[in-house]
Protein backbone atom coordinates (compact mmCIF):
# COMPACT_ATOMS: atom_id res chain seq x y z
CA UNK A 1 11.82 -24.42 20.45
CA UNK A 2 11.23 -23.90 16.74
CA UNK A 3 8.14 -21.99 15.64
CA UNK A 4 6.43 -23.57 12.58
CA UNK A 5 4.40 -21.23 10.47
CA UNK A 6 2.18 -22.75 7.83
CA UNK A 7 2.18 -21.03 4.50
CA UNK A 8 -0.23 -22.04 1.80
CA UNK A 9 -0.37 -20.87 -1.89
CA UNK A 10 -3.50 -19.28 -3.13
CA UNK A 11 -3.19 -21.19 -6.39
CA UNK A 12 -6.39 -22.31 -4.78
CA UNK A 13 -7.24 -25.62 -6.61
CA UNK A 14 -3.87 -27.09 -5.54
CA UNK A 15 -4.86 -27.49 -1.89
CA UNK A 16 -8.49 -28.40 -2.17
CA UNK A 17 -8.23 -32.23 -2.00
CA UNK A 18 -5.68 -32.06 0.78
CA UNK A 19 -8.02 -30.54 3.34
CA UNK A 20 -11.51 -31.49 2.12
CA UNK A 21 -11.94 -33.92 5.02
CA UNK A 22 -12.04 -30.84 7.27
CA UNK A 23 -15.62 -30.34 6.34
CA UNK A 24 -16.92 -33.71 7.62
CA UNK A 25 -19.66 -31.83 9.53
CA UNK A 26 -20.91 -30.32 6.33
CA UNK A 27 -21.23 -26.98 7.96
CA UNK A 28 -21.43 -24.03 5.60
CA UNK A 29 -19.09 -21.04 5.86
CA UNK A 30 -21.30 -18.02 5.63
CA UNK A 31 -19.35 -14.90 4.59
CA UNK A 32 -20.94 -11.46 4.45
CA UNK A 33 -19.78 -9.12 1.80
CA UNK A 34 -20.29 -5.42 2.67
CA UNK A 35 -19.81 -3.24 -0.39
CA UNK A 36 -21.51 -0.23 -2.01
CA UNK A 37 -24.21 -1.49 -4.32
CA UNK A 38 -25.71 1.98 -4.88
CA UNK A 39 -24.50 5.46 -5.06
CA UNK A 40 -21.15 6.83 -6.28
CA UNK A 41 -19.10 3.65 -5.69
CA UNK A 42 -21.60 1.01 -6.87
CA UNK A 43 -19.33 -0.09 -9.84
CA UNK A 44 -16.52 -0.74 -7.38
CA UNK A 45 -18.89 -2.86 -5.30
CA UNK A 46 -19.75 -4.89 -8.34
CA UNK A 47 -16.12 -5.50 -9.15
CA UNK A 48 -15.49 -6.83 -5.65
CA UNK A 49 -18.52 -9.07 -5.98
CA UNK A 50 -17.13 -10.51 -9.24
CA UNK A 51 -13.67 -10.98 -7.83
CA UNK A 52 -15.06 -12.98 -4.90
CA UNK A 53 -17.16 -15.01 -7.38
CA UNK A 54 -14.03 -15.76 -9.28
CA UNK A 55 -12.24 -16.82 -6.08
CA UNK A 56 -15.22 -19.05 -5.11
CA UNK A 57 -15.01 -20.76 -8.56
CA UNK A 58 -11.32 -21.29 -8.17
CA UNK A 59 -11.77 -22.77 -4.77
CA UNK A 60 -14.32 -25.12 -6.16
CA UNK A 61 -16.23 -25.92 -2.94
CA UNK A 62 -19.92 -25.73 -2.06
CA UNK A 63 -19.12 -25.10 1.56
CA UNK A 64 -18.88 -21.32 1.22
CA UNK A 65 -21.86 -19.07 0.88
CA UNK A 66 -21.42 -15.32 0.08
CA UNK A 67 -24.04 -12.80 1.08
CA UNK A 68 -23.47 -9.42 -0.52
CA UNK A 69 -25.21 -6.40 1.20
CA UNK A 70 -25.24 -2.75 0.46
CA UNK A 71 -23.29 -0.25 2.56
CA UNK A 72 -24.03 2.85 0.25
CA UNK A 73 -20.94 4.43 1.92
CA UNK A 74 -23.20 5.12 4.95
CA UNK A 75 -22.12 3.95 8.41
CA UNK A 76 -25.73 3.47 9.53
CA UNK A 77 -26.67 1.47 6.39
CA UNK A 78 -23.43 -0.57 6.94
CA UNK A 79 -24.41 -1.36 10.51
CA UNK A 80 -28.00 -2.32 9.42
CA UNK A 81 -26.78 -4.67 6.76
CA UNK A 82 -24.27 -6.25 9.14
CA UNK A 83 -26.87 -6.85 11.80
CA UNK A 84 -29.23 -8.45 9.30
CA UNK A 85 -26.40 -10.79 8.17
CA UNK A 86 -25.43 -11.72 11.70
CA UNK A 87 -29.01 -12.65 12.35
CA UNK A 88 -28.70 -15.01 9.43
CA UNK A 89 -25.74 -16.71 11.04
CA UNK A 90 -22.91 -14.78 9.50
CA UNK A 91 -19.86 -14.37 11.80
CA UNK A 92 -17.17 -13.20 9.34
CA UNK A 93 -17.34 -10.36 6.80
CA UNK A 94 -15.37 -9.13 3.85
CA UNK A 95 -15.65 -5.33 4.00
CA UNK A 96 -16.56 -2.57 4.35
CA UNK A 97 -14.21 -0.89 1.91
CA UNK A 98 -13.97 2.59 3.34
CA UNK A 99 -12.84 3.63 6.77
CA UNK A 100 -15.87 5.98 7.32
CA UNK A 101 -18.20 2.97 7.07
CA UNK A 102 -16.61 1.29 10.17
CA UNK A 103 -17.66 3.71 12.99
CA UNK A 104 -20.68 1.83 14.29
CA UNK A 105 -19.55 -1.72 13.80
CA UNK A 106 -18.28 -2.21 17.31
CA UNK A 107 -21.93 -2.50 18.31
CA UNK A 108 -21.99 -6.03 16.82
CA UNK A 109 -20.36 -8.70 19.06
CA UNK A 110 -18.86 -12.08 18.17
CA UNK A 111 -18.10 -11.23 14.53
CA UNK A 112 -15.08 -10.17 12.55
CA UNK A 113 -14.93 -7.62 9.68
CA UNK A 114 -11.96 -7.98 7.32
CA UNK A 115 -12.13 -4.40 6.03
CA UNK A 116 -10.39 -3.52 2.69
CA UNK A 117 -9.13 -0.24 4.19
CA UNK A 118 -5.43 0.22 4.69
CA UNK A 119 -5.87 2.39 7.77
CA UNK A 120 -4.99 0.75 11.06
CA UNK A 121 -5.52 3.52 13.64
CA UNK A 122 -8.72 3.87 15.58
CA UNK A 123 -10.37 0.73 14.28
CA UNK A 124 -13.23 -0.89 16.11
CA UNK A 125 -12.09 -3.98 18.00
CA UNK A 126 -13.95 -6.36 15.73
CA UNK A 127 -12.45 -4.76 12.58
CA UNK A 128 -9.16 -5.97 11.00
CA UNK A 129 -7.53 -3.84 8.27
CA UNK A 130 -6.56 -6.16 5.40
CA UNK A 131 -5.39 -3.34 2.90
CA UNK A 132 -1.76 -2.71 2.08
CA UNK A 133 -1.07 -0.66 5.19
CA UNK A 134 1.70 1.83 6.03
CA UNK A 135 3.72 -0.56 8.28
CA UNK A 136 3.83 -3.15 5.45
CA UNK A 137 5.18 -0.54 3.02
CA UNK A 138 7.70 0.90 5.43
CA UNK A 139 8.97 -2.54 6.41
CA UNK A 140 9.79 -3.10 2.66
CA UNK A 141 11.30 0.37 2.38
CA UNK A 142 13.44 -0.35 5.41
CA UNK A 143 14.76 -3.51 3.75
CA UNK A 144 15.54 -1.59 0.53
CA UNK A 145 17.41 1.15 2.42
CA UNK A 146 19.52 -1.42 4.31
CA UNK A 147 20.42 -3.14 1.00
CA UNK A 148 21.59 0.17 -0.41
CA UNK A 149 23.39 1.18 2.83
CA UNK A 150 21.39 4.50 2.96
CA UNK A 151 22.50 6.40 6.08
CA UNK A 152 20.48 9.64 6.01
CA UNK A 153 16.85 9.11 4.92
CA UNK A 154 14.32 11.79 5.13
CA UNK A 155 10.53 11.17 5.07
CA UNK A 156 8.13 13.63 3.43
CA UNK A 157 4.51 13.25 4.37
CA UNK A 158 1.60 15.50 3.37
CA UNK A 159 -0.45 17.20 6.06
CA UNK A 160 -3.42 14.91 5.46
CA UNK A 161 -5.46 12.63 7.68
CA UNK A 162 -3.12 9.63 7.30
CA UNK A 163 0.00 11.38 8.55
CA UNK A 164 -0.49 9.82 12.01
CA UNK A 165 -0.59 6.37 10.36
CA UNK A 166 2.79 7.12 8.84
CA UNK A 167 4.18 8.38 12.10
CA UNK A 168 3.09 5.21 13.96
CA UNK A 169 4.43 2.92 11.18
CA UNK A 170 7.75 4.67 11.26
CA UNK A 171 7.97 3.99 14.99
CA UNK A 172 6.72 0.43 14.90
CA UNK A 173 8.98 -0.52 11.99
CA UNK A 174 12.03 0.86 13.80
CA UNK A 175 13.28 2.21 10.52
CA UNK A 176 16.30 4.60 10.93
CA UNK A 177 15.52 7.95 9.51
CA UNK A 178 17.28 11.31 9.55
CA UNK A 179 14.24 13.61 9.71
CA UNK A 180 10.51 13.49 9.12
CA UNK A 181 8.84 16.53 7.46
CA UNK A 182 5.13 17.16 7.23
CA UNK A 183 4.48 19.34 4.19
CA UNK A 184 1.58 21.49 2.99
CA UNK A 185 -0.08 20.22 -0.28
CA UNK A 186 -0.77 23.81 -1.52
CA UNK A 187 1.80 24.13 -4.34
CA UNK A 188 3.26 27.56 -3.36
CA UNK A 189 3.76 26.61 0.24
CA UNK A 190 5.07 23.15 -0.76
CA UNK A 191 7.80 24.64 -2.97
CA UNK A 192 8.90 26.95 -0.17
CA UNK A 193 9.16 24.02 2.22
CA UNK A 194 11.13 21.95 -0.17
CA UNK A 195 13.50 24.91 -0.75
CA UNK A 196 14.09 24.97 2.96
CA UNK A 197 14.56 21.21 3.38
CA UNK A 198 17.10 21.12 0.58
CA UNK A 199 18.86 24.45 1.51
CA UNK A 200 18.17 25.61 -2.01
CA UNK A 201 18.78 29.32 -1.43
CA UNK A 202 22.15 28.74 0.13
CA UNK A 203 23.16 26.32 -2.68
CA UNK A 204 21.88 28.85 -5.27
CA UNK A 205 23.90 31.58 -3.64
CA UNK A 206 26.97 29.32 -3.58
CA UNK A 207 26.69 29.14 -7.36
CA UNK A 208 26.34 32.89 -7.74
CA UNK A 209 29.25 33.51 -5.47
CA UNK A 210 31.42 31.11 -7.40
CA UNK A 211 30.46 32.62 -10.71
CA UNK A 212 31.37 36.04 -9.31
CA UNK A 213 34.71 34.75 -8.00
CA UNK A 214 35.66 33.21 -11.34
CA UNK A 215 34.59 36.26 -13.31
CA UNK A 216 36.88 38.42 -11.26
CA UNK A 217 39.76 36.14 -11.24
CA UNK A 218 42.88 35.76 -13.46
CA UNK A 219 42.40 32.12 -14.12
CA UNK A 220 43.77 30.88 -17.49
CA UNK A 221 40.68 28.73 -18.08
CA UNK A 222 38.22 31.31 -16.79
CA UNK A 223 35.87 31.04 -19.80
CA UNK A 224 35.77 27.26 -19.65
CA UNK A 225 34.98 27.32 -15.96
CA UNK A 226 32.26 29.97 -16.35
CA UNK A 227 30.68 27.96 -19.19
CA UNK A 228 30.46 24.87 -16.83
CA UNK A 229 29.13 26.90 -13.85
CA UNK A 230 26.38 28.50 -15.95
CA UNK A 231 25.15 25.05 -16.81
CA UNK A 232 24.62 24.32 -13.18
CA UNK A 233 21.70 25.33 -10.96
CA UNK A 234 23.32 25.10 -7.50
CA UNK A 235 26.55 24.25 -5.75
CA UNK A 236 26.69 22.17 -2.65
CA UNK A 237 25.16 19.02 -1.41
CA UNK A 238 22.04 18.34 0.70
CA UNK A 239 22.09 16.72 4.11
CA UNK A 240 20.37 13.42 3.03
CA UNK A 241 21.08 10.51 0.72
CA UNK A 242 17.53 9.16 0.23
CA UNK A 243 13.97 10.49 0.30
CA UNK A 244 10.76 8.65 1.14
CA UNK A 245 7.72 10.47 -0.20
CA UNK A 246 4.53 9.04 1.29
CA UNK A 247 2.20 10.53 -1.31
CA UNK A 248 0.28 9.56 -4.48
CA UNK A 249 -0.93 10.65 -7.84
CA UNK A 250 -0.61 14.35 -8.81
CA UNK A 251 0.39 15.37 -5.28
CA UNK A 252 3.35 13.00 -5.55
CA UNK A 253 4.39 14.44 -8.80
CA UNK A 254 4.16 17.99 -7.37
CA UNK A 255 6.63 16.99 -4.58
CA UNK A 256 9.03 15.43 -7.05
CA UNK A 257 8.75 18.49 -9.30
CA UNK A 258 9.69 20.69 -6.36
CA UNK A 259 12.66 18.53 -5.61
CA UNK A 260 13.83 18.78 -9.24
CA UNK A 261 13.39 22.52 -9.19
CA UNK A 262 15.72 22.73 -6.10
CA UNK A 263 18.33 20.65 -8.01
CA UNK A 264 17.80 17.45 -6.11
CA UNK A 265 17.74 14.69 -8.75
CA UNK A 266 16.83 11.04 -8.63
CA UNK A 267 20.01 9.96 -10.35
CA UNK A 268 21.90 11.35 -7.42
CA UNK A 269 19.63 10.55 -4.42
CA UNK A 270 17.32 7.57 -3.90
CA UNK A 271 13.72 8.64 -4.62
CA UNK A 272 11.41 6.28 -2.91
CA UNK A 273 7.63 6.42 -2.59
CA UNK A 274 4.72 4.30 -1.37
CA UNK A 275 2.76 1.64 -3.38
CA UNK A 276 1.80 3.20 -6.70
CA UNK A 277 0.01 0.08 -8.05
CA UNK A 278 2.30 0.32 -11.07
CA UNK A 279 0.79 3.62 -12.19
CA UNK A 280 1.57 3.97 -15.89
CA UNK A 281 1.40 7.81 -15.89
CA UNK A 282 4.62 7.73 -13.97
CA UNK A 283 6.34 6.25 -17.05
CA UNK A 284 5.67 9.51 -18.86
CA UNK A 285 7.67 11.47 -16.35
CA UNK A 286 11.27 10.57 -17.36
CA UNK A 287 12.75 13.16 -15.07
CA UNK A 288 11.37 11.43 -11.93
CA UNK A 289 13.21 8.17 -12.69
CA UNK A 290 14.69 6.07 -11.27
CA UNK A 291 11.85 5.83 -8.70
CA UNK A 292 11.53 3.03 -6.17
CA UNK A 293 8.45 1.67 -4.34
CA UNK A 294 7.05 -1.35 -2.56
CA UNK A 295 4.07 -3.08 -4.07
CA UNK A 296 2.20 -6.43 -4.40
CA UNK A 297 3.55 -9.09 -6.70
CA UNK A 298 3.37 -7.58 -10.23
CA UNK A 299 3.37 -10.91 -12.07
CA UNK A 300 0.45 -12.25 -10.00
CA UNK A 301 -1.41 -8.97 -10.47
CA UNK A 302 -0.99 -9.10 -14.24
CA UNK A 303 -2.24 -12.74 -14.34
CA UNK A 304 -5.18 -11.87 -12.14
CA UNK A 305 -6.14 -8.92 -14.23
CA UNK A 306 -5.90 -10.96 -17.42
CA UNK A 307 -8.18 -13.70 -16.03
CA UNK A 308 -10.65 -11.23 -14.66
CA UNK A 309 -10.89 -9.31 -18.01
CA UNK A 310 -11.37 -12.49 -19.86
CA UNK A 311 -14.14 -13.71 -17.55
CA UNK A 312 -16.04 -10.51 -17.04
CA UNK A 313 -15.03 -8.42 -20.04
CA UNK A 314 -13.87 -5.46 -17.83
CA UNK A 315 -10.84 -4.24 -15.97
CA UNK A 316 -10.63 -4.93 -12.18
CA UNK A 317 -9.83 -2.33 -9.57
CA UNK A 318 -6.76 -3.06 -7.33
CA UNK A 319 -9.25 -3.86 -4.45
CA UNK A 320 -10.53 -6.75 -6.64
CA UNK A 321 -7.29 -8.78 -6.09
CA UNK A 322 -7.43 -7.93 -2.44
CA UNK A 323 -10.98 -9.23 -1.98
CA UNK A 324 -10.01 -12.34 -3.97
CA UNK A 325 -7.19 -13.06 -1.63
CA UNK A 326 -9.30 -12.36 1.48
CA UNK A 327 -11.77 -15.09 0.44
CA UNK A 328 -8.98 -17.51 -0.01
CA UNK A 329 -7.55 -16.52 3.35
CA UNK A 330 -10.92 -17.21 5.10
CA UNK A 331 -11.20 -20.58 3.39
CA UNK A 332 -7.66 -21.51 4.47
CA UNK A 333 -8.29 -20.50 8.02
CA UNK A 334 -11.45 -22.52 8.03
CA UNK A 335 -9.36 -25.64 7.19
CA UNK A 336 -6.99 -24.86 10.05
CA UNK A 337 -9.30 -23.90 12.86
CA UNK A 338 -12.82 -23.69 14.08
CA UNK A 339 -14.36 -20.45 12.79
CA UNK A 340 -17.05 -20.64 15.53
CA UNK A 341 -14.52 -19.05 17.76
CA UNK A 342 -14.01 -16.16 15.35
CA UNK A 343 -12.59 -13.79 17.95
CA UNK A 344 -9.56 -15.99 18.49
CA UNK A 345 -8.83 -16.90 14.86
CA UNK A 346 -6.93 -13.85 13.98
CA UNK A 347 -4.98 -13.66 17.29
CA UNK A 348 -2.90 -16.76 16.35
CA UNK A 349 0.34 -16.36 14.49
CA UNK A 350 -0.05 -17.55 10.85
CA UNK A 351 0.86 -16.81 7.37
CA UNK A 352 -0.79 -17.21 4.03
CA UNK A 353 0.48 -16.73 0.55
CA UNK A 354 -1.95 -15.04 -1.81
CA UNK A 355 -1.91 -13.34 -5.18
CA UNK A 356 -0.79 -10.11 -3.47
CA UNK A 357 2.01 -11.84 -1.60
CA UNK A 358 2.33 -13.20 1.88
CA UNK A 359 -0.11 -12.17 4.59
CA UNK A 360 1.31 -12.30 8.14
CA UNK A 361 -1.42 -12.60 10.79
CA UNK A 362 -0.89 -11.98 14.46
CA UNK A 363 -2.73 -10.25 17.33
CA UNK A 364 -5.77 -9.34 15.20
CA UNK A 365 -3.50 -7.61 12.61
CA UNK A 366 -2.75 -8.38 8.94
CA UNK A 367 0.50 -7.16 7.35
CA UNK A 368 1.85 -7.84 3.96
CA UNK A 369 5.36 -8.88 2.90
CA UNK A 370 5.71 -6.73 -0.16
CA UNK A 371 7.90 -6.87 -3.25
CA UNK A 372 10.02 -3.91 -4.17
CA UNK A 373 10.38 -2.35 -7.69
CA UNK A 374 12.54 0.13 -9.56
CA UNK A 375 10.91 2.23 -12.31
CA UNK A 376 13.54 3.48 -14.76
CA UNK A 377 13.61 4.27 -18.46
CA UNK A 378 9.96 3.35 -18.76
CA UNK A 379 10.56 -0.17 -17.46
CA UNK A 380 9.82 -1.85 -14.13
CA UNK A 381 12.36 -4.07 -12.55
CA UNK A 382 11.77 -6.25 -9.47
CA UNK A 383 14.46 -5.79 -6.83
CA UNK A 384 13.09 -8.32 -4.30
């Protein structure tokens, strides 16, 4: 038996007329939007409100009603706002954004929260992570490694709260790796760990031994050999052919700097990292290139950003495009099924193509089929 999976583009206006008859009962789709509207992250909350407004305009229907409510990054406030919206007939929510806001939401029955977090461990049963999670990224990395016939891949993961997410994703993806190292983010300790992982001291000593041997030899081309040796930093190879660094921002740069210090170079080994959202500061680090990573569709992101800036005169956050897609996803699902049985909607196998890429939905989980990119010589090239 063949399994047919429906995929619909989020070039939203294209599919409006096709399914408009699905709303013969004229029932409104009430969507709660749980975002910070006060406090440190209130500007982020406003960006998400604007992105959902843009999605609503693109959909062009009067069947959707959005109800923004404040979370203030407070679990109790989030619970209160969610309860108020449920009493108003809301059964499906976009948000909250942050994992810490989720902890009390399992008190509310018969609703679903599409949180923008990328964490998937220890979620309440009524919360579905819709962020770009570790499993989605490692699935894309696995494909890249297979394309490049990488045989010995090491994972480097910081000793932070998301390390267990990485461990579980490695297991669930069934990616073949050589070793997985958990490292300390404190710079001095990190450097010592990288030295050990790369056998730096042995390789450094190999060079010193070879210089000594040549210096005390009767070789005709002794001077030429010594000149070449003194340009080197180490002698000997490392035990891996590719490195996946599950880190971000300055901490990622610290890890790569430590690898460069130990004479492990990206032009000799595959340097792979997690989704960097096309961080332009990495362009300035020529020594870290080529660098490879999974991410959302770059062309779609650029189009979205351009449209958002034109409409609202400000730059969106990367969560803006995610919330835009989530609204389109809810609308698409409303055309396919009865949202009154909300607990069952996300159990069914389904797929949806948005600005980010393709969402795969199954067993109350959302994963993303990501693109893969190479950053080299200040340019970004799409690999798949």
